[in-house]
Protein backbone atom coordinates (compact mmCIF):
# COMPACT_ATOMS: atom_id res chain seq x y z
CA UNK A 1 0.00 0.00 0.00
CA UNK A 2 1.28 3.49 -0.95
CA UNK A 3 1.67 6.11 1.85
CA UNK A 4 -0.72 8.39 -0.09
CA UNK A 5 -3.42 5.75 0.15
CA UNK A 6 -2.69 5.49 3.85
CA UNK A 7 -3.21 9.27 4.30
CA UNK A 8 -6.43 9.17 2.21
CA UNK A 9 -7.86 6.55 4.58
CA UNK A 10 -6.81 8.72 7.51
CA UNK A 11 -8.84 11.70 6.15
CA UNK A 12 -11.91 9.54 5.50
CA UNK A 13 -11.86 8.38 9.09
CA UNK A 14 -11.45 11.86 10.52
CA UNK A 15 -14.83 11.66 12.27
CA UNK A 16 -13.79 8.64 14.25
CA UNK A 17 -10.33 9.97 14.97
CA UNK A 18 -11.42 12.12 17.91
CA UNK A 19 -11.26 9.14 20.25
CA UNK A 20 -7.80 8.74 21.73
CA UNK A 21 -7.74 4.92 21.62
CA UNK A 22 -8.73 4.94 17.94
CA UNK A 23 -5.97 7.41 17.14
CA UNK A 24 -3.44 4.93 18.54
CA UNK A 25 -4.84 1.54 17.56
CA UNK A 26 -6.27 2.15 14.10
CA UNK A 27 -3.03 3.31 12.43
CA UNK A 28 -1.25 0.43 14.14
CA UNK A 29 -3.79 -2.06 12.74
CA UNK A 30 -3.43 -0.62 9.22
CA UNK A 31 0.36 -0.70 9.43
CA UNK A 32 0.22 -4.33 10.58
CA UNK A 33 -1.93 -5.29 7.59
CA UNK A 34 0.64 -3.64 5.29
CA UNK A 35 3.47 -5.66 6.87
CA UNK A 36 1.50 -8.90 6.57
CA UNK A 37 0.70 -8.12 2.93
CA UNK A 38 4.36 -7.46 2.15
CA UNK A 39 5.47 -10.65 3.98
CA UNK A 40 2.96 -12.90 2.18
CA UNK A 41 4.09 -11.61 -1.24
CA UNK A 42 7.78 -11.90 -0.38
CA UNK A 43 8.23 -14.35 2.53
CA UNK A 44 11.51 -14.34 4.39
CA UNK A 45 13.59 -17.40 5.17
CA UNK A 46 11.86 -19.31 7.99
CA UNK A 47 13.38 -18.89 11.43
CA UNK A 48 15.02 -22.04 12.74
CA UNK A 49 15.36 -22.25 16.52
CA UNK A 50 18.15 -24.55 17.56
CA UNK A 51 17.68 -26.46 20.84
CA UNK A 52 19.79 -25.27 23.72
CA UNK A 53 22.48 -27.69 24.93
CA UNK A 54 21.35 -29.90 27.79
CA UNK A 55 23.00 -29.05 31.11
CA UNK A 56 23.99 -32.13 33.13
CA UNK A 57 22.21 -32.66 36.44
CA UNK A 58 24.69 -31.50 39.08
CA UNK A 59 22.41 -31.31 42.12
CA UNK A 60 21.03 -34.58 43.43
CA UNK A 61 17.31 -34.44 44.34
CA UNK A 62 16.65 -34.15 48.07
CA UNK A 63 14.75 -37.36 48.76
CA UNK A 64 14.94 -36.65 52.51
CA UNK A 65 12.01 -34.24 52.06
CA UNK A 66 9.66 -37.02 50.92
CA UNK A 67 7.90 -38.22 54.07
CA UNK A 68 6.04 -41.23 52.68
CA UNK A 69 8.52 -44.13 52.53
CA UNK A 70 6.87 -45.93 49.61
CA UNK A 71 6.68 -42.71 47.61
CA UNK A 72 10.32 -41.94 48.38
CA UNK A 73 11.42 -45.37 47.16
CA UNK A 74 9.34 -45.16 43.99
CA UNK A 75 10.67 -41.72 43.09
CA UNK A 76 14.25 -42.77 43.79
CA UNK A 77 13.92 -45.89 41.64
CA UNK A 78 12.27 -43.98 38.79
CA UNK A 79 14.94 -41.29 38.92
CA UNK A 80 17.87 -43.72 38.88
CA UNK A 81 16.41 -46.05 36.26
CA UNK A 82 16.59 -43.39 33.56
CA UNK A 83 20.39 -43.19 34.00
CA UNK A 84 20.82 -46.96 34.15
CA UNK A 85 18.69 -47.55 31.05
CA UNK A 86 20.70 -44.96 29.13
CA UNK A 87 24.03 -46.56 30.08
CA UNK A 88 22.81 -50.05 29.19
CA UNK A 89 21.68 -48.75 25.79
CA UNK A 90 25.15 -47.35 25.13
CA UNK A 91 26.60 -50.74 25.99
CA UNK A 92 24.16 -52.48 23.64
CA UNK A 93 25.33 -50.22 20.83
CA UNK A 94 28.97 -50.88 21.68
CA UNK A 95 28.45 -54.65 21.80
CA UNK A 96 26.75 -54.52 18.42
CA UNK A 97 29.78 -52.75 17.00
CA UNK A 98 32.17 -55.29 18.55
CA UNK A 99 30.18 -58.19 17.09
CA UNK A 100 30.37 -56.52 13.68
CA UNK A 101 34.13 -56.16 14.02
CA UNK A 102 34.45 -59.80 15.08
CA UNK A 103 32.60 -60.88 11.92
CA UNK A 104 35.04 -58.86 9.82
CA UNK A 105 37.97 -60.45 11.65
CA UNK A 106 36.60 -63.92 10.92
CA UNK A 107 36.38 -62.93 7.24
CA UNK A 108 39.96 -61.70 7.44
CA UNK A 109 39.00 -58.11 6.62
CA UNK A 110 39.34 -55.91 9.74
CA UNK A 111 40.12 -52.33 8.77
CA UNK A 112 42.76 -50.06 10.27
CA UNK A 113 39.93 -48.04 11.82
CA UNK A 114 38.44 -51.16 13.44
CA UNK A 115 41.82 -52.20 14.80
CA UNK A 116 42.23 -48.75 16.35
CA UNK A 117 38.71 -48.90 17.85
CA UNK A 118 39.50 -52.22 19.52
CA UNK A 119 42.81 -50.93 20.86
CA UNK A 120 41.15 -47.81 22.33
CA UNK A 121 38.35 -49.82 23.93
CA UNK A 122 40.89 -52.20 25.40
CA UNK A 123 42.51 -49.24 27.14
CA UNK A 124 39.15 -47.99 28.42
CA UNK A 125 38.18 -51.43 29.71
CA UNK A 126 41.62 -51.96 31.30
CA UNK A 127 42.73 -54.95 29.27
CA UNK A 128 46.44 -55.68 29.29
CA UNK A 129 46.48 -56.36 25.56
CA UNK A 130 50.24 -56.50 25.02
CA UNK A 131 50.94 -59.47 22.76
CA UNK A 132 47.23 -60.19 22.20
CA UNK A 133 45.75 -60.65 18.74
CA UNK A 134 42.90 -58.37 17.71
CA UNK A 135 40.55 -61.37 17.81
CA UNK A 136 41.55 -62.15 21.42
CA UNK A 137 41.07 -58.50 22.36
CA UNK A 138 37.54 -58.49 20.93
CA UNK A 139 36.67 -61.69 22.81
CA UNK A 140 37.87 -60.17 26.08
CA UNK A 141 35.99 -56.96 25.37
CA UNK A 142 32.75 -58.88 24.78
CA UNK A 143 33.24 -60.40 28.22
CA UNK A 144 33.47 -56.92 29.77
CA UNK A 145 31.36 -54.68 27.54
CA UNK A 146 28.05 -56.09 28.70
CA UNK A 147 24.83 -55.15 30.43
CA UNK A 148 24.18 -54.89 34.14
CA UNK A 149 20.58 -55.76 35.10
CA UNK A 150 18.72 -52.62 36.16
CA UNK A 151 17.25 -54.52 39.12
CA UNK A 152 20.67 -55.34 40.56
CA UNK A 153 22.05 -51.85 39.96
CA UNK A 154 18.98 -50.25 41.54
CA UNK A 155 19.28 -52.50 44.58
CA UNK A 156 22.93 -51.50 45.00
CA UNK A 157 22.11 -47.82 44.52
CA UNK A 158 19.37 -48.04 47.16
CA UNK A 159 21.66 -49.87 49.57
CA UNK A 160 24.74 -47.70 49.10
CA UNK A 161 22.90 -44.35 49.11
CA UNK A 162 20.25 -45.15 51.74
CA UNK A 163 17.59 -44.57 49.08
CA UNK A 164 19.21 -41.34 47.95
CA UNK A 165 19.51 -39.76 51.40
CA UNK A 166 23.16 -40.35 52.33
CA UNK A 167 25.56 -37.45 52.76
CA UNK A 168 27.87 -38.78 50.04
CA UNK A 169 25.02 -38.98 47.53
CA UNK A 170 23.56 -35.54 48.26
CA UNK A 171 26.92 -33.73 48.47
CA UNK A 172 28.92 -35.74 45.93
CA UNK A 173 26.47 -37.47 43.55
CA UNK A 174 28.04 -40.75 44.69
CA UNK A 175 25.16 -43.21 44.41
CA UNK A 176 27.16 -46.45 44.58
CA UNK A 177 29.52 -45.80 47.49
CA UNK A 178 32.66 -45.81 45.34
CA UNK A 179 35.98 -45.01 47.02
CA UNK A 180 39.07 -43.18 45.79
CA UNK A 181 42.54 -42.94 47.30
CA UNK A 182 44.02 -39.57 46.32
CA UNK A 183 43.76 -36.78 48.85
CA UNK A 184 40.94 -34.41 47.88
CA UNK A 185 39.33 -36.80 45.39
CA UNK A 186 36.16 -37.07 47.44
CA UNK A 187 34.55 -36.70 50.84
CA UNK A 188 36.32 -37.97 53.94
CA UNK A 189 34.05 -40.34 55.92
CA UNK A 190 33.43 -39.12 59.46
CA UNK A 191 33.97 -42.67 60.80
CA UNK A 192 37.08 -43.50 58.79
CA UNK A 193 39.35 -45.68 60.90
CA UNK A 194 42.74 -44.40 61.97
CA UNK A 195 45.39 -44.89 59.29
CA UNK A 196 42.91 -45.29 56.43
CA UNK A 197 43.39 -43.01 53.43
CA UNK A 198 40.28 -43.65 51.34
CA UNK A 199 37.67 -41.01 50.56
CA UNK A 200 34.18 -41.43 49.14
CA UNK A 201 34.59 -40.25 45.58
CA UNK A 202 33.00 -37.01 44.39
CA UNK A 203 31.26 -36.89 40.99
CA UNK A 204 30.23 -33.79 39.04
CA UNK A 205 27.01 -35.45 37.90
CA UNK A 206 24.86 -38.50 38.62
CA UNK A 207 25.55 -39.70 35.08
CA UNK A 208 29.30 -39.84 35.80
CA UNK A 209 28.62 -41.82 38.97
CA UNK A 210 26.60 -44.35 36.98
CA UNK A 211 29.26 -44.63 34.26
CA UNK A 212 31.97 -45.18 36.87
CA UNK A 213 29.89 -47.90 38.55
CA UNK A 214 29.39 -49.74 35.25
CA UNK A 215 33.09 -49.51 34.41
CA UNK A 216 34.00 -50.73 37.90
CA UNK A 217 31.78 -53.84 37.66
CA UNK A 218 32.88 -54.54 34.10
CA UNK A 219 36.63 -54.18 34.63
CA UNK A 220 37.77 -54.69 38.23
CA UNK A 221 39.37 -58.00 39.09
CA UNK A 222 37.07 -58.31 42.13
CA UNK A 223 34.10 -58.88 39.80
CA UNK A 224 35.71 -61.31 37.36
CA UNK A 225 33.46 -64.09 38.71
CA UNK A 226 30.37 -61.94 38.07
CA UNK A 227 31.49 -61.41 34.48
CA UNK A 228 32.07 -65.14 34.04
CA UNK A 229 28.57 -65.87 35.34
CA UNK A 230 27.10 -63.37 32.89
CA UNK A 231 29.09 -64.84 30.00
CA UNK A 232 27.85 -68.36 30.78
CA UNK A 233 24.24 -67.12 30.83
CA UNK A 234 24.76 -65.64 27.38
CA UNK A 235 26.40 -68.81 26.07
CA UNK A 236 23.33 -70.81 27.12
CA UNK A 237 20.93 -68.27 25.63
CA UNK A 238 19.55 -67.32 29.04
CA UNK A 239 18.33 -63.94 30.22
CA UNK A 240 20.86 -62.31 32.54
CA UNK A 241 19.47 -63.17 35.98
CA UNK A 242 20.12 -60.56 38.70
CA UNK A 243 19.69 -63.01 41.57
CA UNK A 244 22.39 -65.30 40.23
CA UNK A 245 24.61 -62.47 39.03
CA UNK A 246 24.56 -60.75 42.43
CA UNK A 247 26.51 -63.69 43.85
CA UNK A 248 29.51 -62.12 42.13
CA UNK A 249 29.19 -58.98 44.30
CA UNK A 250 30.71 -60.61 47.37
CA UNK A 251 33.78 -58.36 47.21
CA UNK A 252 31.84 -55.13 46.65
CA UNK A 253 31.50 -54.70 50.42
CA UNK A 254 33.36 -55.80 53.52
CA UNK A 255 30.11 -57.53 54.52
CA UNK A 256 30.73 -60.17 51.85
CA UNK A 257 27.97 -62.78 51.71
CA UNK A 258 25.83 -60.59 53.97
CA UNK A 259 25.98 -57.82 51.35
CA UNK A 260 24.89 -60.21 48.60
CA UNK A 261 21.89 -61.25 50.71
CA UNK A 262 20.96 -57.60 51.28
CA UNK A 263 21.02 -56.88 47.54
CA UNK A 264 18.93 -59.95 46.76
CA UNK A 265 16.44 -59.02 49.49
CA UNK A 266 16.05 -55.48 48.12
CA UNK A 267 15.44 -56.90 44.63
CA UNK A 268 12.71 -59.24 45.90
CA UNK A 269 11.00 -56.89 48.37
CA UNK A 270 10.72 -54.09 45.83
CA UNK A 271 9.84 -56.22 42.78
CA UNK A 272 12.82 -54.79 40.94
CA UNK A 273 12.97 -57.56 38.34
CA UNK A 274 9.87 -55.98 36.80
CA UNK A 275 12.12 -53.07 35.82
CA UNK A 276 14.60 -55.19 33.86
CA UNK A 277 14.71 -55.04 30.09
CA UNK A 278 12.64 -57.57 28.17
CA UNK A 279 14.52 -60.67 26.90
CA UNK A 280 14.85 -59.34 23.35
CA UNK A 281 16.86 -56.35 24.63
CA UNK A 282 19.33 -58.30 26.77
């Protein structure tokens, strides 16, 4: 619309113009219609809004404020399961890649890239691969790069964190009671015996605590028996059973067999096996 046409309309509406609100709103409405008309005849490039980066959770929820015990447990389990499911999915993807590489090795066609991938994973999963063939490295990785039943991990998280209410969990995102041995690496336990040097490890996020727990179970020599049990279940085509697998946790705590019984009891009393992945995802 030409500005002269705009002024012509203004003169025609002179009788209405005496009202203050019309003087303000009517020209604005006409101007808006002009803009819309111009935009529809010559549309601009559509605006694309990129999602903001996700900020990791750095403050653990305060489950101490939930009075109802059953509600507290349910919320804790729901909260932790999302992290455990995500980590297990990453492991599924990694296992799939390792199986693909193994097939290529059997065909005699592993690439340089695949060889490097296996070497890097062997470092991550703490395999002393000096002198090992790439095929032997993949076999050892498949023993370690494997799932941990959500039910067992949840039971340990509940036990070690007192259902998300322990000082180490709230202050340090340490859900699984993991220790470290360098000064300043964590939180010093108030009841640490004289001469002991361990601290309860501090984590920036809950996700890092979960990843560290998985790596601990899947690499430490103390849980080699657990990994063997899991491997035998796979060989026989069985679903990974948390009750049987938890037998391999005897060295996770100084309580030994008593700790294993506690974990199994938590699994049963809270129906945690219902939270495990279906057989086709294991």
